[in-house]
């Protein structure tokens, strides 16, 4: 019976480590997808403003500077 508990504790430990690793990788992947989606949308808006208002609009350069930072 003593060996059973040591295996159970090790199994629970490995399960917790595996689940936490999966959670971390999934979270990083989701955050990366969200960031990419937001940057894509922001750049589309910036491109549309540049096409409609032209290069004379000074706020476009401020937005572009913000994106680069």
PDB file of N, CA and C in Angstrom:
ATOM      1  N   UNK A   1       0.822  -1.192   0.000  1.00  0.00           N
ATOM      2  CA  UNK A   1       0.000   0.000   0.000  1.00  0.00           C
ATOM      3  C   UNK A   1       0.870   1.260   0.000  1.00  0.00           C
ATOM      4  N   UNK A   2       2.053   1.162   0.577  1.00  0.00           N
ATOM      5  CA  UNK A   2       2.945   2.315   0.643  1.00  0.00           C
ATOM      6  C   UNK A   2       3.382   2.744  -0.768  1.00  0.00           C
ATOM      7  N   UNK A   3       3.662   1.790  -1.655  1.00  0.00           N
ATOM      8  CA  UNK A   3       4.077   2.118  -3.013  1.00  0.00           C
ATOM      9  C   UNK A   3       2.948   2.793  -3.794  1.00  0.00           C
ATOM     10  N   UNK A   4       1.719   2.426  -3.512  1.00  0.00           N
ATOM     11  CA  UNK A   4       0.574   3.004  -4.213  1.00  0.00           C
ATOM     12  C   UNK A   4       0.504   4.510  -4.008  1.00  0.00           C
ATOM     13  N   UNK A   5       0.713   4.983  -2.793  1.00  0.00           N
ATOM     14  CA  UNK A   5       0.613   6.419  -2.520  1.00  0.00           C
ATOM     15  C   UNK A   5       1.747   7.205  -3.163  1.00  0.00           C
ATOM     16  N   UNK A   6       2.914   6.618  -3.217  1.00  0.00           N
ATOM     17  CA  UNK A   6       4.014   7.339  -3.865  1.00  0.00           C
ATOM     18  C   UNK A   6       3.760   7.480  -5.365  1.00  0.00           C
ATOM     19  N   UNK A   7       3.202   6.457  -5.975  1.00  0.00           N
ATOM     20  CA  UNK A   7       2.855   6.560  -7.393  1.00  0.00           C
ATOM     21  C   UNK A   7       1.712   7.548  -7.620  1.00  0.00           C
ATOM     22  N   UNK A   8       0.758   7.567  -6.721  1.00  0.00           N
ATOM     23  CA  UNK A   8      -0.372   8.482  -6.845  1.00  0.00           C
ATOM     24  C   UNK A   8       0.095   9.931  -6.729  1.00  0.00           C
ATOM     25  N   UNK A   9       0.951  10.199  -5.776  1.00  0.00           N
ATOM     26  CA  UNK A   9       1.474  11.555  -5.601  1.00  0.00           C
ATOM     27  C   UNK A   9       2.272  11.979  -6.833  1.00  0.00           C
ATOM     28  N   UNK A  10       3.088  11.090  -7.356  1.00  0.00           N
ATOM     29  CA  UNK A  10       3.864  11.409  -8.555  1.00  0.00           C
ATOM     30  C   UNK A  10       2.951  11.634  -9.757  1.00  0.00           C
ATOM     31  N   UNK A  11       1.911  10.833  -9.875  1.00  0.00           N
ATOM     32  CA  UNK A  11       0.966  10.990 -10.984  1.00  0.00           C
ATOM     33  C   UNK A  11       0.231  12.319 -10.894  1.00  0.00           C
ATOM     34  N   UNK A  12      -0.203  12.696  -9.715  1.00  0.00           N
ATOM     35  CA  UNK A  12      -0.887  13.974  -9.525  1.00  0.00           C
ATOM     36  C   UNK A  12       0.068  15.129  -9.819  1.00  0.00           C
ATOM     37  N   UNK A  13       1.307  15.009  -9.386  1.00  0.00           N
ATOM     38  CA  UNK A  13       2.299  16.046  -9.657  1.00  0.00           C
ATOM     39  C   UNK A  13       2.522  16.225 -11.157  1.00  0.00           C
ATOM     40  N   UNK A  14       2.699  15.125 -11.872  1.00  0.00           N
ATOM     41  CA  UNK A  14       2.907  15.189 -13.320  1.00  0.00           C
ATOM     42  C   UNK A  14       1.669  15.754 -14.008  1.00  0.00           C
ATOM     43  N   UNK A  15       0.495  15.382 -13.545  1.00  0.00           N
ATOM     44  CA  UNK A  15      -0.743  15.897 -14.119  1.00  0.00           C
ATOM     45  C   UNK A  15      -0.859  17.407 -13.917  1.00  0.00           C
ATOM     46  N   UNK A  16      -0.542  17.879 -12.729  1.00  0.00           N
ATOM     47  CA  UNK A  16      -0.594  19.317 -12.449  1.00  0.00           C
ATOM     48  C   UNK A  16       0.424  20.068 -13.304  1.00  0.00           C
ATOM     49  N   UNK A  17       1.625  19.543 -13.420  1.00  0.00           N
ATOM     50  CA  UNK A  17       2.647  20.200 -14.235  1.00  0.00           C
ATOM     51  C   UNK A  17       2.247  20.225 -15.709  1.00  0.00           C
ATOM     52  N   UNK A  18       1.677  19.136 -16.194  1.00  0.00           N
ATOM     53  CA  UNK A  18       1.253  19.074 -17.594  1.00  0.00           C
ATOM     54  C   UNK A  18       0.128  20.060 -17.867  1.00  0.00           C
ATOM     55  N   UNK A  19      -0.870  20.089 -17.007  1.00  0.00           N
ATOM     56  CA  UNK A  19      -1.996  20.996 -17.202  1.00  0.00           C
ATOM     57  C   UNK A  19      -1.572  22.461 -17.102  1.00  0.00           C
ATOM     58  N   UNK A  20      -0.673  22.765 -16.180  1.00  0.00           N
ATOM     59  CA  UNK A  20      -0.217  24.156 -16.073  1.00  0.00           C
ATOM     60  C   UNK A  20       0.602  24.561 -17.295  1.00  0.00           C
ATOM     61  N   UNK A  21       1.390  23.648 -17.837  1.00  0.00           N
ATOM     62  CA  UNK A  21       2.157  23.939 -19.045  1.00  0.00           C
ATOM     63  C   UNK A  21       1.231  24.165 -20.234  1.00  0.00           C
ATOM     64  N   UNK A  22       0.222  23.315 -20.367  1.00  0.00           N
ATOM     65  CA  UNK A  22      -0.756  23.490 -21.447  1.00  0.00           C
ATOM     66  C   UNK A  22      -1.469  24.827 -21.299  1.00  0.00           C
ATOM     67  N   UNK A  23      -1.834  25.187 -20.083  1.00  0.00           N
ATOM     68  CA  UNK A  23      -2.520  26.454 -19.838  1.00  0.00           C
ATOM     69  C   UNK A  23      -1.636  27.638 -20.215  1.00  0.00           C
ATOM     70  N   UNK A  24      -0.362  27.581 -19.864  1.00  0.00           N
ATOM     71  CA  UNK A  24       0.558  28.677 -20.184  1.00  0.00           C
ATOM     72  C   UNK A  24       0.731  28.815 -21.694  1.00  0.00           C
ATOM     73  N   UNK A  25       0.966  27.704 -22.395  1.00  0.00           N
ATOM     74  CA  UNK A  25       1.127  27.770 -23.845  1.00  0.00           C
ATOM     75  C   UNK A  25      -0.147  28.240 -24.536  1.00  0.00           C
ATOM     76  N   UNK A  26      -1.300  27.782 -24.070  1.00  0.00           N
ATOM     77  CA  UNK A  26      -2.567  28.219 -24.666  1.00  0.00           C
ATOM     78  C   UNK A  26      -2.779  29.710 -24.427  1.00  0.00           C
ATOM     79  N   UNK A  27      -2.470  30.181 -23.238  1.00  0.00           N
ATOM     80  CA  UNK A  27      -2.629  31.608 -22.939  1.00  0.00           C
ATOM     81  C   UNK A  27      -1.718  32.456 -23.816  1.00  0.00           C
ATOM     82  N   UNK A  28      -0.480  32.039 -23.961  1.00  0.00           N
ATOM     83  CA  UNK A  28       0.450  32.793 -24.814  1.00  0.00           C
ATOM     84  C   UNK A  28      -0.018  32.801 -26.265  1.00  0.00           C
ATOM     85  N   UNK A  29      -0.507  31.677 -26.746  1.00  0.00           N
ATOM     86  CA  UNK A  29      -1.012  31.616 -28.115  1.00  0.00           C
ATOM     87  C   UNK A  29      -2.218  32.503 -28.325  1.00  0.00           C
ATOM     88  N   UNK A  30      -3.125  32.512 -27.361  1.00  0.00           N
ATOM     89  CA  UNK A  30      -4.316  33.353 -27.459  1.00  0.00           C
ATOM     90  C   UNK A  30      -3.933  34.824 -27.429  1.00  0.00           C
ATOM     91  N   UNK A  31      -3.032  35.203 -26.530  1.00  0.00           N
ATOM     92  CA  UNK A  31      -2.604  36.602 -26.463  1.00  0.00           C
ATOM     93  C   UNK A  31      -1.897  37.030 -27.743  1.00  0.00           C
ATOM     94  N   UNK A  32      -1.107  36.143 -28.312  1.00  0.00           N
ATOM     95  CA  UNK A  32      -0.425  36.468 -29.562  1.00  0.00           C
ATOM     96  C   UNK A  32      -1.436  36.654 -30.694  1.00  0.00           C
ATOM     97  N   UNK A  33      -2.461  35.806 -30.751  1.00  0.00           N
ATOM     98  CA  UNK A  33      -3.499  35.944 -31.768  1.00  0.00           C
ATOM     99  C   UNK A  33      -4.260  37.254 -31.595  1.00  0.00           C
ATOM    100  N   UNK A  34      -4.618  37.587 -30.369  1.00  0.00           N
ATOM    101  CA  UNK A  34      -5.353  38.827 -30.106  1.00  0.00           C
ATOM    102  C   UNK A  34      -4.511  40.038 -30.495  1.00  0.00           C
ATOM    103  N   UNK A  35      -3.242  40.029 -30.129  1.00  0.00           N
ATOM    104  CA  UNK A  35      -2.358  41.146 -30.473  1.00  0.00           C
ATOM    105  C   UNK A  35      -2.226  41.290 -31.985  1.00  0.00           C
ATOM    106  N   UNK A  36      -2.041  40.171 -32.682  1.00  0.00           N
ATOM    107  CA  UNK A  36      -1.913  40.222 -34.140  1.00  0.00           C
ATOM    108  C   UNK A  36      -3.190  40.737 -34.786  1.00  0.00           C
ATOM    109  N   UNK A  37      -4.336  40.288 -34.285  1.00  0.00           N
ATOM    110  CA  UNK A  37      -5.620  40.726 -34.832  1.00  0.00           C
ATOM    111  C   UNK A  37      -5.825  42.219 -34.612  1.00  0.00           C
ATOM    112  N   UNK A  38      -5.486  42.710 -33.425  1.00  0.00           N
ATOM    113  CA  UNK A  38      -5.644  44.133 -33.135  1.00  0.00           C
ATOM    114  C   UNK A  38      -4.695  44.982 -33.976  1.00  0.00           C
ATOM    115  N   UNK A  39      -3.464  44.539 -34.134  1.00  0.00           N
ATOM    116  CA  UNK A  39      -2.511  45.296 -34.949  1.00  0.00           C
ATOM    117  C   UNK A  39      -2.958  45.330 -36.403  1.00  0.00           C
ATOM    118  N   UNK A  40      -3.477  44.220 -36.903  1.00  0.00           N
ATOM    119  CA  UNK A  40      -3.961  44.175 -38.275  1.00  0.00           C
ATOM    120  C   UNK A  40      -5.123  45.144 -38.474  1.00  0.00           C
ATOM    121  N   UNK A  41      -6.054  45.153 -37.539  1.00  0.00           N
ATOM    122  CA  UNK A  41      -7.195  46.067 -37.638  1.00  0.00           C
ATOM    123  C   UNK A  41      -6.735  47.517 -37.548  1.00  0.00           C
ATOM    124  N   UNK A  42      -5.816  47.800 -36.647  1.00  0.00           N
ATOM    125  CA  UNK A  42      -5.330  49.171 -36.491  1.00  0.00           C
ATOM    126  C   UNK A  42      -4.599  49.639 -37.747  1.00  0.00           C
ATOM    127  N   UNK A  43      -3.813  48.759 -38.343  1.00  0.00           N
ATOM    128  CA  UNK A  43      -3.098  49.143 -39.558  1.00  0.00           C
ATOM    129  C   UNK A  43      -4.044  49.332 -40.738  1.00  0.00           C
ATOM    130  N   UNK A  44      -5.134  48.562 -40.783  1.00  0.00           N
ATOM    131  CA  UNK A  44      -6.136  48.771 -41.833  1.00  0.00           C
ATOM    132  C   UNK A  44      -6.800  50.136 -41.678  1.00  0.00           C
ATOM    133  N   UNK A  45      -7.104  50.510 -40.449  1.00  0.00           N
ATOM    134  CA  UNK A  45      -7.695  51.828 -40.196  1.00  0.00           C
ATOM    135  C   UNK A  45      -6.712  52.928 -40.583  1.00  0.00           C
ATOM    136  N   UNK A  46      -5.465  52.747 -40.213  1.00  0.00           N
ATOM    137  CA  UNK A  46      -4.437  53.736 -40.550  1.00  0.00           C
ATOM    138  C   UNK A  46      -4.269  53.863 -42.062  1.00  0.00           C
ATOM    139  N   UNK A  47      -4.282  52.737 -42.761  1.00  0.00           N
ATOM    140  CA  UNK A  47      -4.163  52.762 -44.217  1.00  0.00           C
ATOM    141  C   UNK A  47      -5.375  53.449 -44.844  1.00  0.00           C
ATOM    142  N   UNK A  48      -6.563  53.179 -44.328  1.00  0.00           N
ATOM    143  CA  UNK A  48      -7.771  53.817 -44.857  1.00  0.00           C
ATOM    144  C   UNK A  48      -7.727  55.332 -44.648  1.00  0.00           C
ATOM    145  N   UNK A  49      -7.273  55.756 -43.480  1.00  0.00           N
ATOM    146  CA  UNK A  49      -7.162  57.204 -43.219  1.00  0.00           C
ATOM    147  C   UNK A  49      -6.147  57.848 -44.148  1.00  0.00           C
ATOM    148  N   UNK A  50      -5.069  57.142 -44.419  1.00  0.00           N
ATOM    149  CA  UNK A  50      -4.056  57.683 -45.328  1.00  0.00           C
ATOM    150  C   UNK A  50      -4.607  57.794 -46.746  1.00  0.00           C
ATOM    151  N   UNK A  51      -5.412  56.807 -47.154  1.00  0.00           N
ATOM    152  CA  UNK A  51      -5.984  56.847 -48.500  1.00  0.00           C
ATOM    153  C   UNK A  51      -7.060  57.917 -48.629  1.00  0.00           C
ATOM    154  N   UNK A  52      -7.857  58.125 -47.578  1.00  0.00           N
ATOM    155  CA  UNK A  52      -8.959  59.084 -47.684  1.00  0.00           C
ATOM    156  C   UNK A  52      -8.514  60.517 -47.403  1.00  0.00           C
ATOM    157  N   UNK A  53      -7.695  60.707 -46.393  1.00  0.00           N
ATOM    158  CA  UNK A  53      -7.311  62.070 -46.007  1.00  0.00           C
ATOM    159  C   UNK A  53      -6.009  62.521 -46.654  1.00  0.00           C
ATOM    160  N   UNK A  54      -5.243  61.570 -47.146  1.00  0.00           N
ATOM    161  CA  UNK A  54      -4.000  61.917 -47.823  1.00  0.00           C
ATOM    162  C   UNK A  54      -2.849  62.120 -46.851  1.00  0.00           C
ATOM    163  N   UNK A  55      -1.701  62.389 -47.419  1.00  0.00           N
ATOM    164  CA  UNK A  55      -0.487  62.532 -46.618  1.00  0.00           C
ATOM    165  C   UNK A  55      -0.425  63.855 -45.879  1.00  0.00           C
ATOM    166  N   UNK A  56      -1.337  64.766 -46.187  1.00  0.00           N
ATOM    167  CA  UNK A  56      -1.326  66.077 -45.531  1.00  0.00           C
ATOM    168  C   UNK A  56      -1.846  66.023 -44.097  1.00  0.00           C
ATOM    169  N   UNK A  57      -2.545  64.949 -43.731  1.00  0.00           N
ATOM    170  CA  UNK A  57      -3.097  64.826 -42.381  1.00  0.00           C
ATOM    171  C   UNK A  57      -1.972  64.482 -41.405  1.00  0.00           C
ATOM    172  N   UNK A  58      -1.711  65.372 -40.468  1.00  0.00           N
ATOM    173  CA  UNK A  58      -0.595  65.184 -39.529  1.00  0.00           C
ATOM    174  C   UNK A  58      -0.886  64.112 -38.479  1.00  0.00           C
ATOM    175  N   UNK A  59      -2.164  63.850 -38.201  1.00  0.00           N
ATOM    176  CA  UNK A  59      -2.479  62.850 -37.173  1.00  0.00           C
ATOM    177  C   UNK A  59      -2.109  61.442 -37.624  1.00  0.00           C
ATOM    178  N   UNK A  60      -2.040  61.219 -38.934  1.00  0.00           N
ATOM    179  CA  UNK A  60      -1.654  59.901 -39.441  1.00  0.00           C
ATOM    180  C   UNK A  60      -0.233  59.573 -39.007  1.00  0.00           C
ATOM    181  N   UNK A  61       0.643  60.542 -39.059  1.00  0.00           N
ATOM    182  CA  UNK A  61       2.030  60.308 -38.666  1.00  0.00           C
ATOM    183  C   UNK A  61       2.144  60.057 -37.162  1.00  0.00           C
ATOM    184  N   UNK A  62       1.296  60.717 -36.391  1.00  0.00           N
ATOM    185  CA  UNK A  62       1.295  60.470 -34.946  1.00  0.00           C
ATOM    186  C   UNK A  62       0.826  59.049 -34.645  1.00  0.00           C
ATOM    187  N   UNK A  63      -0.213  58.598 -35.352  1.00  0.00           N
ATOM    188  CA  UNK A  63      -0.689  57.226 -35.162  1.00  0.00           C
ATOM    189  C   UNK A  63       0.365  56.218 -35.610  1.00  0.00           C
ATOM    190  N   UNK A  64       1.026  56.505 -36.719  1.00  0.00           N
ATOM    191  CA  UNK A  64       2.069  55.607 -37.210  1.00  0.00           C
ATOM    192  C   UNK A  64       3.221  55.532 -36.215  1.00  0.00           C
ATOM    193  N   UNK A  65       3.561  56.652 -35.624  1.00  0.00           N
ATOM    194  CA  UNK A  65       4.621  56.680 -34.610  1.00  0.00           C
ATOM    195  C   UNK A  65       4.217  55.850 -33.395  1.00  0.00           C
ATOM    196  N   UNK A  66       2.943  55.922 -33.024  1.00  0.00           N
ATOM    197  CA  UNK A  66       2.440  55.135 -31.896  1.00  0.00           C
ATOM    198  C   UNK A  66       2.538  53.643 -32.191  1.00  0.00           C
ATOM    199  N   UNK A  67       2.212  53.246 -33.408  1.00  0.00           N
ATOM    200  CA  UNK A  67       2.297  51.831 -33.787  1.00  0.00           C
ATOM    201  C   UNK A  67       3.736  51.350 -33.720  1.00  0.00           C
ATOM    202  N   UNK A  68       4.663  52.164 -34.176  1.00  0.00           N
ATOM    203  CA  UNK A  68       6.068  51.757 -34.181  1.00  0.00           C
ATOM    204  C   UNK A  68       6.653  51.637 -32.781  1.00  0.00           C
ATOM    205  N   UNK A  69       6.103  52.372 -31.843  1.00  0.00           N
ATOM    206  CA  UNK A  69       6.625  52.301 -30.479  1.00  0.00           C
ATOM    207  C   UNK A  69       6.057  51.095 -29.818  1.00  0.00           C
TER     208      UNK A  69
END
